Protein backbone atom coordinates (compact mmCIF):
# COMPACT_ATOMS: atom_id res chain seq x y z
CA UNK A 1 -10.04 8.87 -14.19
CA UNK A 2 -6.97 5.89 -13.46
CA UNK A 3 -7.75 2.50 -13.77
CA UNK A 4 -6.28 -0.84 -12.30
CA UNK A 5 -6.72 -4.36 -13.66
CA UNK A 6 -9.16 -6.56 -11.44
CA UNK A 7 -9.62 -10.15 -12.66
CA UNK A 8 -8.51 -9.04 -16.20
CA UNK A 9 -10.86 -6.30 -16.53
CA UNK A 10 -10.65 -2.45 -15.98
CA UNK A 11 -11.68 -1.05 -12.77
CA UNK A 12 -11.76 3.09 -11.57
CA UNK A 13 -11.32 3.33 -8.01
CA UNK A 14 -12.68 6.46 -6.64
CA UNK A 15 -9.89 6.98 -3.95
CA UNK A 16 -7.24 4.96 -2.19
CA UNK A 17 -7.50 4.42 1.59
CA UNK A 18 -4.33 3.92 2.96
CA UNK A 19 -3.47 2.68 6.76
CA UNK A 20 -0.40 4.03 8.44
CA UNK A 21 1.84 2.62 11.24
CA UNK A 22 0.43 -1.01 10.88
CA UNK A 23 3.59 -2.64 11.78
CA UNK A 24 5.48 -2.10 14.95
CA UNK A 25 8.57 -2.58 13.56
CA UNK A 26 8.12 -0.09 10.84
CA UNK A 27 7.22 2.18 13.36
CA UNK A 28 10.39 1.92 15.23
CA UNK A 29 12.70 2.33 12.21
CA UNK A 30 11.26 5.68 11.35
CA UNK A 31 11.28 6.71 15.04
CA UNK A 32 7.25 7.03 15.33
CA UNK A 33 5.16 7.06 18.28
CA UNK A 34 2.67 4.28 17.96
CA UNK A 35 -0.74 5.65 17.64
CA UNK A 36 -3.63 5.38 19.64
CA UNK A 37 -6.05 4.69 16.92
CA UNK A 38 -5.78 3.71 13.36
CA UNK A 39 -4.12 6.23 11.35
CA UNK A 40 -5.98 6.54 7.90
CA UNK A 41 -5.34 8.95 5.20
CA UNK A 42 -6.16 8.93 1.39
CA UNK A 43 -4.56 9.06 -1.89
CA UNK A 44 -7.00 10.55 -4.94
CA UNK A 45 -7.51 8.78 -8.05
CA UNK A 46 -5.12 11.06 -9.72
CA UNK A 47 -2.33 9.11 -7.57
CA UNK A 48 -2.94 5.87 -9.35
CA UNK A 49 -0.08 4.35 -11.86
CA UNK A 50 0.96 1.18 -12.98
CA UNK A 51 4.43 2.35 -13.59
CA UNK A 52 7.04 3.24 -10.84
CA UNK A 53 9.22 6.35 -11.26
CA UNK A 54 11.86 8.17 -10.15
CA UNK A 55 10.52 11.29 -8.14
CA UNK A 56 13.58 12.58 -6.02
CA UNK A 57 16.52 11.31 -3.98
CA UNK A 58 14.31 11.43 -0.88
CA UNK A 59 11.14 9.44 -2.27
CA UNK A 60 10.64 6.18 -0.26
CA UNK A 61 9.08 3.00 -1.59
CA UNK A 62 6.62 1.55 1.07
CA UNK A 63 5.35 -2.13 -0.25
CA UNK A 64 1.78 -3.29 0.85
CA UNK A 65 -0.54 -6.00 0.71
CA UNK A 66 -3.77 -4.02 -0.80
CA UNK A 67 -7.49 -5.07 -0.96
CA UNK A 68 -10.01 -4.08 -3.61
CA UNK A 69 -13.59 -3.18 -2.32
CA UNK A 70 -16.61 -4.71 -3.92
CA UNK A 71 -20.33 -4.37 -2.12
CA UNK A 72 -18.42 -3.33 1.17
CA UNK A 73 -16.23 -6.23 1.06
CA UNK A 74 -12.76 -7.53 0.38
CA UNK A 75 -13.15 -8.93 -3.38
CA UNK A 76 -9.61 -8.84 -4.63
CA UNK A 77 -6.06 -8.73 -3.69
CA UNK A 78 -2.98 -7.13 -5.05
CA UNK A 79 0.15 -5.78 -4.39
CA UNK A 80 1.20 -1.70 -4.49
CA UNK A 81 4.12 0.51 -3.47
CA UNK A 82 3.16 3.73 -1.40
CA UNK A 83 5.49 6.29 -2.70
CA UNK A 84 6.39 8.71 -0.16
CA UNK A 85 8.29 12.08 -0.08
CA UNK A 86 9.89 11.51 3.13
CA UNK A 87 11.64 15.24 3.49
CA UNK A 88 8.36 16.79 3.02
CA UNK A 89 6.39 14.22 5.24
CA UNK A 90 9.10 14.84 8.07
CA UNK A 91 8.30 18.71 7.77
CA UNK A 92 4.74 18.08 7.86
CA UNK A 93 4.62 15.83 10.58
CA UNK A 94 6.75 18.54 12.74
CA UNK A 95 3.99 20.92 12.15
CA UNK A 96 1.19 18.82 12.86
CA UNK A 97 -0.08 19.29 9.06
CA UNK A 98 -1.44 16.66 6.88
CA UNK A 99 0.45 14.56 4.52
CA UNK A 100 -1.20 14.87 1.11
CA UNK A 101 1.89 16.83 -0.61
CA UNK A 102 4.14 13.80 0.81
CA UNK A 103 1.69 10.88 0.38
CA UNK A 104 -0.95 11.83 -2.50
CA UNK A 105 1.14 13.16 -5.39
CA UNK A 106 0.52 12.22 -8.91
CA UNK A 107 1.91 8.52 -9.32
CA UNK A 108 2.37 7.72 -5.67
CA UNK A 109 -0.03 5.11 -5.68
CA UNK A 110 2.04 2.14 -7.68
CA UNK A 111 -0.60 -0.76 -8.22
CA UNK A 112 -0.23 -4.05 -9.72
CA UNK A 113 -3.07 -6.34 -11.09
CA UNK A 114 -5.67 -7.51 -8.81
CA UNK A 115 -7.05 -11.06 -8.48
CA UNK A 116 -10.18 -12.21 -6.85
CA UNK A 117 -9.81 -13.24 -3.37
CA UNK A 118 -12.33 -15.40 -1.00
CA UNK A 119 -9.53 -17.17 1.05
CA UNK A 120 -8.12 -17.04 4.64
CA UNK A 121 -7.10 -13.65 5.46
CA UNK A 122 -5.12 -15.03 8.32
CA UNK A 123 -2.86 -17.05 6.06
CA UNK A 124 -1.84 -13.60 3.73
CA UNK A 125 1.70 -12.34 3.76
CA UNK A 126 3.57 -10.52 1.34
CA UNK A 127 7.59 -10.05 0.47
CA UNK A 128 9.03 -7.30 -1.71
CA UNK A 129 12.46 -8.03 -3.65
CA UNK A 130 14.28 -5.43 -5.27
CA UNK A 131 17.27 -6.37 -7.95
CA UNK A 132 16.42 -9.79 -6.77
CA UNK A 133 17.35 -9.47 -2.92
CA UNK A 134 14.50 -9.62 -0.44
CA UNK A 135 13.81 -6.07 1.25
CA UNK A 136 10.12 -6.30 2.88
CA UNK A 137 8.65 -9.08 4.50
CA UNK A 138 4.95 -9.36 6.43
CA UNK A 139 2.30 -11.57 7.26
CA UNK A 140 -1.43 -11.38 8.69
CA UNK A 141 0.14 -11.80 12.39
CA UNK A 142 2.44 -8.89 12.16
CA UNK A 143 -0.24 -6.11 11.33
CA UNK A 144 -1.44 -4.06 14.40
CA UNK A 145 -4.66 -4.04 12.52
CA UNK A 146 -6.15 -6.51 10.72
CA UNK A 147 -8.07 -6.40 7.41
CA UNK A 148 -11.58 -6.78 8.84
CA UNK A 149 -10.48 -4.42 11.58
CA UNK A 150 -9.66 -1.85 9.02
CA UNK A 151 -12.59 -1.66 6.95
CA UNK A 152 -14.81 -1.60 9.94
CA UNK A 153 -12.71 1.78 11.39
CA UNK A 154 -12.93 3.43 7.66
CA UNK A 155 -16.50 2.94 7.49
CA UNK A 156 -17.24 4.78 10.70
CA UNK A 157 -16.50 8.02 8.85
CA UNK A 158 -16.33 7.06 5.49
CA UNK A 159 -18.09 5.13 2.59
CA UNK A 160 -16.53 2.87 -0.03
CA UNK A 161 -17.55 2.93 -3.58
CA UNK A 162 -17.13 -0.12 -5.56
CA UNK A 163 -13.44 -0.41 -7.02
CA UNK A 164 -11.88 1.36 -4.05
CA UNK A 165 -8.43 0.08 -2.77
CA UNK A 166 -7.34 -0.37 0.67
CA UNK A 167 -3.45 -0.19 1.14
CA UNK A 168 -2.87 -2.27 4.36
CA UNK A 169 0.34 -0.59 5.89
CA UNK A 170 3.68 -1.28 5.15
CA UNK A 171 6.41 -3.57 7.05
CA UNK A 172 10.30 -2.67 7.98
CA UNK A 173 12.63 -2.28 5.33
CA UNK A 174 11.46 0.70 3.59
CA UNK A 175 14.30 2.86 1.66
CA UNK A 176 15.10 5.13 -1.46
CA UNK A 177 15.30 3.75 -5.08
CA UNK A 178 17.04 4.31 -8.46
CA UNK A 179 16.41 4.26 -11.93
CA UNK A 180 16.44 0.92 -13.34
CA UNK A 181 15.53 -0.76 -9.96
CA UNK A 182 13.78 -4.06 -10.67
CA UNK A 183 10.95 -4.54 -8.02
CA UNK A 184 8.85 -7.54 -7.52
CA UNK A 185 6.09 -7.72 -5.33
CA UNK A 186 4.40 -10.82 -4.32
CA UNK A 187 1.40 -11.90 -1.85
CA UNK A 188 0.55 -15.42 -0.94
CA UNK A 189 -2.08 -17.44 0.86
CA UNK A 190 0.39 -19.43 2.98
CA UNK A 191 2.67 -21.05 0.28
CA UNK A 192 0.08 -20.56 -2.63
CA UNK A 193 1.14 -17.33 -4.63
CA UNK A 194 -1.76 -15.37 -5.56
CA UNK A 195 -0.52 -12.70 -7.09
CA UNK A 196 2.77 -11.08 -8.40
CA UNK A 197 3.73 -7.60 -9.71
CA UNK A 198 6.92 -6.41 -11.29
CA UNK A 199 8.25 -2.89 -12.16
CA UNK A 200 11.37 -1.70 -13.53
CA UNK A 201 11.90 2.01 -12.13
CA UNK A 202 11.68 4.53 -15.16
């Protein structure tokens, strides 16, 4: 089973629960409809990796604030990349089919280190830099669904196991990437840096 690092210890998430279309400007940049309810999909444990690989020309990065769950509560925070095979996803959406082939493939949940978090959720913000250039930015205020709303909605139909990860959705600025690109993702509470993760595309 794939592991992540939380508070310097190895943790095995049973699943990664992802929230789709959680930022208005991201919905608009991809030409999607605003959903009437929260979009939720899963990535299996086999999707988890700490290495960012080049997958294909159409594979898209999506930077996200990620939460680690313990005792059905947010216990930790980290930065992650939801990798998406865009052409396959578009075909699936056109036919009304599930997204697993585009979203749940091996290596599609690129997760950095997680650190304990008991702070102010409303003060959270994230940024993603590629080759030193800021490409994505988001904060709590821009989220359509806030973190505690996410947990409550997910628990209506699915149980959390300790160590599960919630990826909270991506803001505008998603795109393709190349071998050798340098990614740096950061999560802040106000002006305080909580966690930073870096990857070089292999």
